[in-house]
Amino acid sequence: MDFRNKPLRNVAFAFLFMTSLGYAAQDKQQADYRDYQNAPEHVKTFYKTQHANQTYDFASKKLSQYGQLNHGTYSIWETLELLNKMVDESDPDLELPQIQHALQTAEAIRQDGQPDWLVLVGLIHDLGKMLAFWGEPQWAVVGDTFPLGCQFSDKIIFSETFKDNPDSKNPNYNSKLGVYSKFPQNIGLKNVIMSWGHDEYLYQVIKEQSSLPDAAKFIVRFHSFYALHKEGAYQYLLDEQDKTLVPWLEVFRKYDLYSKSAKTVDVAQVKPYYVALIKKYFPKEKLQW
């Protein structure tokens, strides 16, 4: 199905009008990013909705549904261009189309001389937001991610809104280990069901269709798990491999957050570099989504 000329639910076309009048967001200081205390009301509403609806059963069903990768065949660059039509409703920092956030992140990593696989992760890390094109509401696409089937941490943003989540009242799910009590402590994130969204979806897409290293796939899967890599929660779920990979999430976080800028990247100028980089790690031009 070709989405290029079709209207999309949850797409903020108003951004194009505002920037034409000179209302592009101003660059921020680092301390001002992820300022949810002063977040716009639509961001607070987003998280209230997400926290009420992201249950263990819901995420498990979505993982089974989208894990089949039967929603179309697209190249990496095609998905970047499609996502140019989308603005993330959960982001309190900047209202730019997704292709600009992808390129800003990747270019910041590239300029610091980081490994080229990390540069590529910067480019692709949000491509799982293609879920919005399959009709998923934004609360099932974007926003911070967190483990399901066990107790919600108070380190999750707006954690008080989990009172509306039925899992918080279910004794099978609301203890420290919940459904994972059959495992020993430090069971490993590979055994944990995370809230459903673009992180998990893209991981499912790339895990068998790329030659990216394990660290790259770990970043893709957990880069929105801020309660872990920013607040230090859920350490009891990590196994030894997870502990060696979490530092990569911390490295990536500074680029994902602090590269956001009202100054846009010249897409035509940088495209040849990224097309060649994509070919290096993705054997097939078209991926199953």
C-alpha atoms as a PDB file:
ATOM      1  CA  MET A   1       0.000   0.000   0.000  1.00  0.00           C
ATOM      2  CA  ASP A   2       1.334   3.469  -0.887  1.00  0.00           C
ATOM      3  CA  PHE A   3       0.882   5.987   1.935  1.00  0.00           C
ATOM      4  CA  ARG A   4       2.597   8.930   0.262  1.00  0.00           C
ATOM      5  CA  ASN A   5      -0.550  10.712  -0.858  1.00  0.00           C
ATOM      6  CA  LYS A   6      -2.896   9.588   1.906  1.00  0.00           C
ATOM      7  CA  PRO A   7      -3.820  11.642   4.988  1.00  0.00           C
ATOM      8  CA  LEU A   8      -2.558  10.189   8.271  1.00  0.00           C
ATOM      9  CA  ARG A   9      -4.172  10.268  11.680  1.00  0.00           C
ATOM     10  CA  ASN A  10      -2.044  12.006  14.340  1.00  0.00           C
ATOM     11  CA  VAL A  11       0.117  13.855  11.788  1.00  0.00           C
ATOM     12  CA  ALA A  12       0.831  17.445  12.805  1.00  0.00           C
ATOM     13  CA  PHE A  13       0.733  19.268   9.494  1.00  0.00           C
ATOM     14  CA  ALA A  14       0.392  22.502  11.481  1.00  0.00           C
ATOM     15  CA  PHE A  15       4.161  22.332  11.979  1.00  0.00           C
ATOM     16  CA  LEU A  16       4.725  23.191   8.317  1.00  0.00           C
ATOM     17  CA  PHE A  17       2.546  26.271   8.616  1.00  0.00           C
ATOM     18  CA  MET A  18       4.178  27.441  11.825  1.00  0.00           C
ATOM     19  CA  THR A  19       7.723  27.090  10.539  1.00  0.00           C
ATOM     20  CA  SER A  20       6.803  29.018   7.387  1.00  0.00           C
ATOM     21  CA  LEU A  21       5.899  31.909   9.704  1.00  0.00           C
ATOM     22  CA  GLY A  22       9.121  31.640  11.672  1.00  0.00           C
ATOM     23  CA  TYR A  23       7.803  29.779  14.721  1.00  0.00           C
ATOM     24  CA  ALA A  24      10.348  26.950  14.713  1.00  0.00           C
ATOM     25  CA  ALA A  25      11.289  25.790  18.190  1.00  0.00           C
ATOM     26  CA  GLN A  26      14.368  27.383  19.711  1.00  0.00           C
ATOM     27  CA  ASP A  27      17.376  25.322  20.727  1.00  0.00           C
ATOM     28  CA  LYS A  28      17.454  24.395  24.412  1.00  0.00           C
ATOM     29  CA  GLN A  29      20.035  24.015  27.121  1.00  0.00           C
ATOM     30  CA  GLN A  30      20.650  20.418  28.230  1.00  0.00           C
ATOM     31  CA  ALA A  31      18.943  20.913  31.588  1.00  0.00           C
ATOM     32  CA  ASP A  32      15.764  21.954  29.790  1.00  0.00           C
ATOM     33  CA  TYR A  33      15.255  18.689  27.901  1.00  0.00           C
ATOM     34  CA  ARG A  34      12.643  16.211  29.129  1.00  0.00           C
ATOM     35  CA  ASP A  35      11.138  18.909  31.333  1.00  0.00           C
ATOM     36  CA  TYR A  36       7.846  17.134  31.966  1.00  0.00           C
ATOM     37  CA  GLN A  37       6.998  19.390  34.900  1.00  0.00           C
ATOM     38  CA  ASN A  38       6.342  22.153  32.390  1.00  0.00           C
ATOM     39  CA  ALA A  39       5.318  19.935  29.494  1.00  0.00           C
ATOM     40  CA  PRO A  40       2.416  20.987  27.260  1.00  0.00           C
ATOM     41  CA  GLU A  41      -0.964  19.577  28.236  1.00  0.00           C
ATOM     42  CA  HIS A  42      -1.101  17.331  25.176  1.00  0.00           C
ATOM     43  CA  VAL A  43       2.073  15.563  26.398  1.00  0.00           C
ATOM     44  CA  LYS A  44       0.574  14.978  29.849  1.00  0.00           C
ATOM     45  CA  THR A  45      -2.630  13.697  28.263  1.00  0.00           C
ATOM     46  CA  PHE A  46      -0.595  11.389  26.037  1.00  0.00           C
ATOM     47  CA  TYR A  47       1.127   9.726  29.012  1.00  0.00           C
ATOM     48  CA  LYS A  48      -2.088   9.413  30.997  1.00  0.00           C
ATOM     49  CA  THR A  49      -3.610   7.530  28.051  1.00  0.00           C
ATOM     50  CA  GLN A  50      -0.500   5.422  27.467  1.00  0.00           C
ATOM     51  CA  HIS A  51      -0.221   4.406  31.107  1.00  0.00           C
ATOM     52  CA  ALA A  52      -3.863   3.413  31.298  1.00  0.00           C
ATOM     53  CA  ASN A  53      -3.754   1.216  28.202  1.00  0.00           C
ATOM     54  CA  GLN A  54      -0.328  -0.440  28.062  1.00  0.00           C
ATOM     55  CA  THR A  55      -1.041  -3.765  29.743  1.00  0.00           C
ATOM     56  CA  TYR A  56       0.817  -7.065  29.693  1.00  0.00           C
ATOM     57  CA  ASP A  57      -1.877  -8.729  27.600  1.00  0.00           C
ATOM     58  CA  PHE A  58      -2.061  -5.821  25.141  1.00  0.00           C
ATOM     59  CA  ALA A  59       1.697  -5.736  24.528  1.00  0.00           C
ATOM     60  CA  SER A  60       1.898  -9.522  24.221  1.00  0.00           C
ATOM     61  CA  LYS A  61      -0.779  -9.508  21.531  1.00  0.00           C
ATOM     62  CA  LYS A  62       0.883  -6.685  19.605  1.00  0.00           C
ATOM     63  CA  LEU A  63       4.247  -8.440  19.737  1.00  0.00           C
ATOM     64  CA  SER A  64       2.639 -11.545  18.259  1.00  0.00           C
ATOM     65  CA  GLN A  65       0.786  -9.520  15.630  1.00  0.00           C
ATOM     66  CA  TYR A  66       3.668  -7.389  14.384  1.00  0.00           C
ATOM     67  CA  GLY A  67       6.360 -10.002  14.919  1.00  0.00           C
ATOM     68  CA  GLN A  68       5.069 -11.689  11.775  1.00  0.00           C
ATOM     69  CA  LEU A  69       6.482  -8.783   9.708  1.00  0.00           C
ATOM     70  CA  ASN A  70       3.667  -8.925   7.188  1.00  0.00           C
ATOM     71  CA  HIS A  71       2.811  -5.227   6.917  1.00  0.00           C
ATOM     72  CA  GLY A  72       4.712  -4.396   3.758  1.00  0.00           C
ATOM     73  CA  THR A  73       8.160  -4.179   2.187  1.00  0.00           C
ATOM     74  CA  TYR A  74      10.070  -0.910   2.374  1.00  0.00           C
ATOM     75  CA  SER A  75      13.644   0.297   2.247  1.00  0.00           C
ATOM     76  CA  ILE A  76      15.198   2.198   5.146  1.00  0.00           C
ATOM     77  CA  TRP A  77      15.198   5.430   3.174  1.00  0.00           C
ATOM     78  CA  GLU A  78      11.564   5.003   2.135  1.00  0.00           C
ATOM     79  CA  THR A  79      10.545   4.700   5.781  1.00  0.00           C
ATOM     80  CA  LEU A  80      12.555   7.813   6.666  1.00  0.00           C
ATOM     81  CA  GLU A  81      10.711   9.783   4.001  1.00  0.00           C
ATOM     82  CA  LEU A  82       7.339   8.468   5.139  1.00  0.00           C
ATOM     83  CA  LEU A  83       8.084   9.459   8.723  1.00  0.00           C
ATOM     84  CA  ASN A  84       8.857  12.975   7.497  1.00  0.00           C
ATOM     85  CA  LYS A  85       5.064  13.405   7.739  1.00  0.00           C
ATOM     86  CA  MET A  86       4.904  12.572  11.444  1.00  0.00           C
ATOM     87  CA  VAL A  87       5.440  14.608  14.619  1.00  0.00           C
ATOM     88  CA  ASP A  88       5.798  12.728  17.924  1.00  0.00           C
ATOM     89  CA  GLU A  89       2.996  13.774  20.312  1.00  0.00           C
ATOM     90  CA  SER A  90       4.962  12.558  23.359  1.00  0.00           C
ATOM     91  CA  ASP A  91       8.020  14.757  22.789  1.00  0.00           C
ATOM     92  CA  PRO A  92       8.051  17.892  24.968  1.00  0.00           C
ATOM     93  CA  ASP A  93      11.215  19.261  23.381  1.00  0.00           C
ATOM     94  CA  LEU A  94      10.822  19.847  19.671  1.00  0.00           C
ATOM     95  CA  GLU A  95       8.147  19.662  17.008  1.00  0.00           C
ATOM     96  CA  LEU A  96      10.153  18.689  13.942  1.00  0.00           C
ATOM     97  CA  PRO A  97       9.364  15.956  11.411  1.00  0.00           C
ATOM     98  CA  GLN A  98      10.980  12.647  12.272  1.00  0.00           C
ATOM     99  CA  ILE A  99      13.494  12.638   9.414  1.00  0.00           C
ATOM    100  CA  GLN A 100      15.133  15.722  10.896  1.00  0.00           C
ATOM    101  CA  HIS A 101      15.439  14.192  14.365  1.00  0.00           C
ATOM    102  CA  ALA A 102      16.936  11.064  12.765  1.00  0.00           C
ATOM    103  CA  LEU A 103      19.509  13.030  10.791  1.00  0.00           C
ATOM    104  CA  GLN A 104      20.346  15.391  13.655  1.00  0.00           C
ATOM    105  CA  THR A 105      21.023  12.420  15.922  1.00  0.00           C
ATOM    106  CA  ALA A 106      23.079  10.557  13.316  1.00  0.00           C
ATOM    107  CA  GLU A 107      25.112  13.618  12.330  1.00  0.00           C
ATOM    108  CA  ALA A 108      25.971  14.397  15.971  1.00  0.00           C
ATOM    109  CA  ILE A 109      27.226  10.824  16.445  1.00  0.00           C
ATOM    110  CA  ARG A 110      29.148  10.960  13.168  1.00  0.00           C
ATOM    111  CA  GLN A 111      30.825  14.259  14.046  1.00  0.00           C
ATOM    112  CA  ASP A 112      32.066  12.766  17.323  1.00  0.00           C
ATOM    113  CA  GLY A 113      33.846   9.954  15.467  1.00  0.00           C
ATOM    114  CA  GLN A 114      31.763   7.176  16.999  1.00  0.00           C
ATOM    115  CA  PRO A 115      31.586   3.731  15.288  1.00  0.00           C
ATOM    116  CA  ASP A 116      29.648   3.796  12.034  1.00  0.00           C
ATOM    117  CA  TRP A 117      27.140   1.256  13.348  1.00  0.00           C
ATOM    118  CA  LEU A 118      26.222   3.751  16.078  1.00  0.00           C
ATOM    119  CA  VAL A 119      25.810   6.458  13.436  1.00  0.00           C
ATOM    120  CA  LEU A 120      23.392   4.150  11.623  1.00  0.00           C
ATOM    121  CA  VAL A 121      21.468   3.493  14.835  1.00  0.00           C
ATOM    122  CA  GLY A 122      21.091   7.257  15.171  1.00  0.00           C
ATOM    123  CA  LEU A 123      19.532   7.344  11.736  1.00  0.00           C
ATOM    124  CA  ILE A 124      17.153   4.407  12.139  1.00  0.00           C
ATOM    125  CA  HIS A 125      16.338   4.274  15.859  1.00  0.00           C
ATOM    126  CA  ASP A 126      12.833   5.703  15.502  1.00  0.00           C
ATOM    127  CA  LEU A 127      11.758   3.931  12.297  1.00  0.00           C
ATOM    128  CA  GLY A 128       9.463   1.684  14.297  1.00  0.00           C
ATOM    129  CA  LYS A 129       7.127   4.677  14.345  1.00  0.00           C
ATOM    130  CA  MET A 130       5.893   3.193  11.092  1.00  0.00           C
ATOM    131  CA  LEU A 131       3.312   1.656  13.436  1.00  0.00           C
ATOM    132  CA  ALA A 132       1.378   4.917  13.106  1.00  0.00           C
ATOM    133  CA  PHE A 133       0.972   4.183   9.394  1.00  0.00           C
ATOM    134  CA  TRP A 134      -0.592   0.830  10.203  1.00  0.00           C
ATOM    135  CA  GLY A 135      -3.295   2.625  12.188  1.00  0.00           C
ATOM    136  CA  GLU A 136      -1.893   2.337  15.724  1.00  0.00           C
ATOM    137  CA  PRO A 137      -2.655   5.260  18.077  1.00  0.00           C
ATOM    138  CA  GLN A 138       0.375   7.226  19.184  1.00  0.00           C
ATOM    139  CA  TRP A 139       0.187   5.858  22.743  1.00  0.00           C
ATOM    140  CA  ALA A 140       1.022   2.454  21.187  1.00  0.00           C
ATOM    141  CA  VAL A 141       3.845   3.912  19.073  1.00  0.00           C
ATOM    142  CA  VAL A 142       5.857   6.542  20.956  1.00  0.00           C
ATOM    143  CA  GLY A 143       6.751   7.645  24.472  1.00  0.00           C
ATOM    144  CA  ASP A 144       8.925   6.178  27.224  1.00  0.00           C
ATOM    145  CA  THR A 145       8.856   2.392  27.506  1.00  0.00           C
ATOM    146  CA  PHE A 146       8.706   0.241  30.649  1.00  0.00           C
ATOM    147  CA  PRO A 147       8.406  -3.434  31.690  1.00  0.00           C
ATOM    148  CA  LEU A 148       4.980  -5.016  31.909  1.00  0.00           C
ATOM    149  CA  GLY A 149       3.858  -7.957  34.003  1.00  0.00           C
ATOM    150  CA  CYS A 150       5.549  -6.591  37.118  1.00  0.00           C
ATOM    151  CA  GLN A 151       5.376  -3.586  39.431  1.00  0.00           C
ATOM    152  CA  PHE A 152       5.444  -0.142  37.788  1.00  0.00           C
ATOM    153  CA  SER A 153       8.415   1.865  39.039  1.00  0.00           C
ATOM    154  CA  ASP A 154       7.904   5.347  40.471  1.00  0.00           C
ATOM    155  CA  LYS A 155      10.889   6.346  38.308  1.00  0.00           C
ATOM    156  CA  ILE A 156       8.696   6.198  35.197  1.00  0.00           C
ATOM    157  CA  ILE A 157       7.535   9.640  34.077  1.00  0.00           C
ATOM    158  CA  PHE A 158       4.026  10.477  35.371  1.00  0.00           C
ATOM    159  CA  SER A 159       4.037   7.195  37.306  1.00  0.00           C
ATOM    160  CA  GLU A 160       1.002   8.285  39.326  1.00  0.00           C
ATOM    161  CA  THR A 161      -1.184   7.741  36.249  1.00  0.00           C
ATOM    162  CA  PHE A 162      -0.620   3.975  36.373  1.00  0.00           C
ATOM    163  CA  LYS A 163      -3.478   3.900  38.883  1.00  0.00           C
ATOM    164  CA  ASP A 164      -5.757   3.700  35.837  1.00  0.00           C
ATOM    165  CA  ASN A 165      -3.946   0.640  34.454  1.00  0.00           C
ATOM    166  CA  PRO A 166      -5.756  -2.619  35.320  1.00  0.00           C
ATOM    167  CA  ASP A 167      -2.411  -4.425  35.746  1.00  0.00           C
ATOM    168  CA  SER A 168      -1.656  -2.221  38.761  1.00  0.00           C
ATOM    169  CA  LYS A 169      -4.587  -3.897  40.569  1.00  0.00           C
ATOM    170  CA  ASN A 170      -3.841  -7.433  39.388  1.00  0.00           C
ATOM    171  CA  PRO A 171      -1.837  -9.482  41.947  1.00  0.00           C
ATOM    172  CA  ASN A 172      -0.343 -11.517  39.114  1.00  0.00           C
ATOM    173  CA  TYR A 173       1.272  -8.383  37.710  1.00  0.00           C
ATOM    174  CA  ASN A 174       1.751  -5.835  40.486  1.00  0.00           C
ATOM    175  CA  SER A 175       4.474  -7.446  42.626  1.00  0.00           C
ATOM    176  CA  LYS A 176       8.168  -6.704  42.162  1.00  0.00           C
ATOM    177  CA  LEU A 177       8.732  -9.694  39.864  1.00  0.00           C
ATOM    178  CA  GLY A 178       5.121 -10.373  38.859  1.00  0.00           C
ATOM    179  CA  VAL A 179       4.918 -12.934  36.057  1.00  0.00           C
ATOM    180  CA  TYR A 180       8.720 -13.236  36.129  1.00  0.00           C
ATOM    181  CA  SER A 181       8.761 -14.752  39.613  1.00  0.00           C
ATOM    182  CA  LYS A 182       9.273 -18.180  38.014  1.00  0.00           C
ATOM    183  CA  PHE A 183      12.703 -16.937  36.962  1.00  0.00           C
ATOM    184  CA  PRO A 184      15.559 -16.166  39.344  1.00  0.00           C
ATOM    185  CA  GLN A 185      16.491 -12.555  40.032  1.00  0.00           C
ATOM    186  CA  ASN A 186      18.292 -10.880  37.114  1.00  0.00           C
ATOM    187  CA  ILE A 187      16.299 -12.803  34.517  1.00  0.00           C
ATOM    188  CA  GLY A 188      17.482 -10.633  31.625  1.00  0.00           C
ATOM    189  CA  LEU A 189      15.542  -8.139  29.543  1.00  0.00           C
ATOM    190  CA  LYS A 190      15.256 -10.692  26.740  1.00  0.00           C
ATOM    191  CA  ASN A 191      12.661 -12.461  28.913  1.00  0.00           C
ATOM    192  CA  VAL A 192      10.667  -9.305  29.713  1.00  0.00           C
ATOM    193  CA  ILE A 193       7.593  -7.997  27.890  1.00  0.00           C
ATOM    194  CA  MET A 194       8.025  -4.260  27.401  1.00  0.00           C
ATOM    195  CA  SER A 195       5.303  -1.717  26.713  1.00  0.00           C
ATOM    196  CA  TRP A 196       4.485  -1.909  23.021  1.00  0.00           C
ATOM    197  CA  GLY A 197       5.831   0.746  20.674  1.00  0.00           C
ATOM    198  CA  HIS A 198       8.360   1.696  18.055  1.00  0.00           C
ATOM    199  CA  ASP A 199      11.404   0.395  19.977  1.00  0.00           C
ATOM    200  CA  GLU A 200      10.217  -3.200  20.132  1.00  0.00           C
ATOM    201  CA  TYR A 201       8.769  -3.122  16.627  1.00  0.00           C
ATOM    202  CA  LEU A 202      11.991  -1.932  14.973  1.00  0.00           C
ATOM    203  CA  TYR A 203      13.962  -4.504  16.952  1.00  0.00           C
ATOM    204  CA  GLN A 204      11.741  -7.214  15.507  1.00  0.00           C
ATOM    205  CA  VAL A 205      12.360  -5.812  12.010  1.00  0.00           C
ATOM    206  CA  ILE A 206      16.164  -5.599  12.203  1.00  0.00           C
ATOM    207  CA  LYS A 207      17.147  -8.515  14.426  1.00  0.00           C
ATOM    208  CA  GLU A 208      17.315 -10.988  11.504  1.00  0.00           C
ATOM    209  CA  GLN A 209      17.513  -8.540   8.596  1.00  0.00           C
ATOM    210  CA  SER A 210      20.724  -6.704   9.471  1.00  0.00           C
ATOM    211  CA  SER A 211      24.330  -7.415  10.405  1.00  0.00           C
ATOM    212  CA  LEU A 212      24.322  -4.776  13.134  1.00  0.00           C
ATOM    213  CA  PRO A 213      26.101  -5.794  16.372  1.00  0.00           C
ATOM    214  CA  ASP A 214      24.234  -6.785  19.534  1.00  0.00           C
ATOM    215  CA  ALA A 215      24.865  -3.377  21.092  1.00  0.00           C
ATOM    216  CA  ALA A 216      23.088  -1.689  18.178  1.00  0.00           C
ATOM    217  CA  LYS A 217      20.056  -3.937  18.502  1.00  0.00           C
ATOM    218  CA  PHE A 218      19.991  -3.384  22.277  1.00  0.00           C
ATOM    219  CA  ILE A 219      19.943   0.389  21.762  1.00  0.00           C
ATOM    220  CA  VAL A 220      17.116   0.121  19.230  1.00  0.00           C
ATOM    221  CA  ARG A 221      15.084  -2.035  21.599  1.00  0.00           C
ATOM    222  CA  PHE A 222      15.568  -0.056  24.812  1.00  0.00           C
ATOM    223  CA  HIS A 223      16.487   3.535  23.922  1.00  0.00           C
ATOM    224  CA  SER A 224      13.123   4.789  25.262  1.00  0.00           C
ATOM    225  CA  PHE A 225      13.501   2.823  28.527  1.00  0.00           C
ATOM    226  CA  TYR A 226      14.499   5.961  30.449  1.00  0.00           C
ATOM    227  CA  ALA A 227      13.531   4.535  33.828  1.00  0.00           C
ATOM    228  CA  LEU A 228      16.458   2.132  33.372  1.00  0.00           C
ATOM    229  CA  HIS A 229      19.226   4.051  31.640  1.00  0.00           C
ATOM    230  CA  LYS A 230      18.522   7.508  33.067  1.00  0.00           C
ATOM    231  CA  GLU A 231      16.940   6.792  36.473  1.00  0.00           C
ATOM    232  CA  GLY A 232      18.592   3.450  37.325  1.00  0.00           C
ATOM    233  CA  ALA A 233      15.343   1.550  37.978  1.00  0.00           C
ATOM    234  CA  TYR A 234      14.734  -2.163  37.277  1.00  0.00           C
ATOM    235  CA  GLN A 235      18.334  -3.189  37.905  1.00  0.00           C
ATOM    236  CA  TYR A 236      17.026  -6.466  39.351  1.00  0.00           C
ATOM    237  CA  LEU A 237      15.823  -7.497  35.887  1.00  0.00           C
ATOM    238  CA  LEU A 238      19.231  -7.203  34.203  1.00  0.00           C
ATOM    239  CA  ASP A 239      21.419 -10.200  33.456  1.00  0.00           C
ATOM    240  CA  GLU A 240      25.175 -10.002  32.926  1.00  0.00           C
ATOM    241  CA  GLN A 241      24.902  -9.313  29.196  1.00  0.00           C
ATOM    242  CA  ASP A 242      22.399  -6.502  29.812  1.00  0.00           C
ATOM    243  CA  LYS A 243      24.815  -4.902  32.274  1.00  0.00           C
ATOM    244  CA  THR A 244      27.556  -4.783  29.634  1.00  0.00           C
ATOM    245  CA  LEU A 245      25.185  -3.148  27.121  1.00  0.00           C
ATOM    246  CA  VAL A 246      23.402  -0.549  29.272  1.00  0.00           C
ATOM    247  CA  PRO A 247      26.389   1.851  29.029  1.00  0.00           C
ATOM    248  CA  TRP A 248      25.725   2.035  25.278  1.00  0.00           C
ATOM    249  CA  LEU A 249      22.214   3.285  26.064  1.00  0.00           C
ATOM    250  CA  GLU A 250      23.768   6.020  28.171  1.00  0.00           C
ATOM    251  CA  VAL A 251      26.099   6.986  25.328  1.00  0.00           C
ATOM    252  CA  PHE A 252      23.259   7.043  22.843  1.00  0.00           C
ATOM    253  CA  ARG A 253      20.952   9.036  25.117  1.00  0.00           C
ATOM    254  CA  LYS A 254      23.004  12.211  24.901  1.00  0.00           C
ATOM    255  CA  TYR A 255      22.777  12.157  21.116  1.00  0.00           C
ATOM    256  CA  ASP A 256      19.100  11.229  21.007  1.00  0.00           C
ATOM    257  CA  LEU A 257      18.205  14.068  23.390  1.00  0.00           C
ATOM    258  CA  TYR A 258      20.740  16.816  23.013  1.00  0.00           C
ATOM    259  CA  SER A 259      21.111  16.853  19.227  1.00  0.00           C
ATOM    260  CA  LYS A 260      17.556  18.181  18.878  1.00  0.00           C
ATOM    261  CA  SER A 261      17.700  21.573  17.252  1.00  0.00           C
ATOM    262  CA  ALA A 262      15.577  23.989  15.240  1.00  0.00           C
ATOM    263  CA  LYS A 263      18.419  23.990  12.689  1.00  0.00           C
ATOM    264  CA  THR A 264      17.604  21.407  10.062  1.00  0.00           C
ATOM    265  CA  VAL A 265      19.996  19.084   8.200  1.00  0.00           C
ATOM    266  CA  ASP A 266      20.377  19.365   4.413  1.00  0.00           C
ATOM    267  CA  VAL A 267      18.960  15.974   3.438  1.00  0.00           C
ATOM    268  CA  ALA A 268      20.255  15.984  -0.143  1.00  0.00           C
ATOM    269  CA  GLN A 269      23.802  16.738   1.008  1.00  0.00           C
ATOM    270  CA  VAL A 270      24.086  13.873   3.501  1.00  0.00           C
ATOM    271  CA  LYS A 271      21.945  11.269   1.749  1.00  0.00           C
ATOM    272  CA  PRO A 272      24.770   9.595  -0.281  1.00  0.00           C
ATOM    273  CA  TYR A 273      26.758   8.863   2.891  1.00  0.00           C
ATOM    274  CA  TYR A 274      23.768   7.283   4.622  1.00  0.00           C
ATOM    275  CA  VAL A 275      22.651   5.275   1.622  1.00  0.00           C
ATOM    276  CA  ALA A 276      26.122   3.671   1.518  1.00  0.00           C
ATOM    277  CA  LEU A 277      26.058   3.067   5.288  1.00  0.00           C
ATOM    278  CA  ILE A 278      22.663   1.379   5.071  1.00  0.00           C
ATOM    279  CA  LYS A 279      23.973  -0.972   2.376  1.00  0.00           C
ATOM    280  CA  LYS A 280      26.867  -1.972   4.629  1.00  0.00           C
ATOM    281  CA  TYR A 281      24.632  -3.337   7.397  1.00  0.00           C
ATOM    282  CA  PHE A 282      21.449  -4.294   5.536  1.00  0.00           C
ATOM    283  CA  PRO A 283      22.102  -6.970   2.871  1.00  0.00           C
ATOM    284  CA  LYS A 284      18.695  -6.463   1.242  1.00  0.00           C
ATOM    285  CA  GLU A 285      17.482  -3.073   0.071  1.00  0.00           C
ATOM    286  CA  LYS A 286      13.870  -3.834   1.006  1.00  0.00           C
ATOM    287  CA  LEU A 287      12.946  -5.005   4.513  1.00  0.00           C
ATOM    288  CA  GLN A 288       9.867  -6.859   5.704  1.00  0.00           C
ATOM    289  CA  TRP A 289       7.873  -4.680   8.115  1.00  0.00           C
END
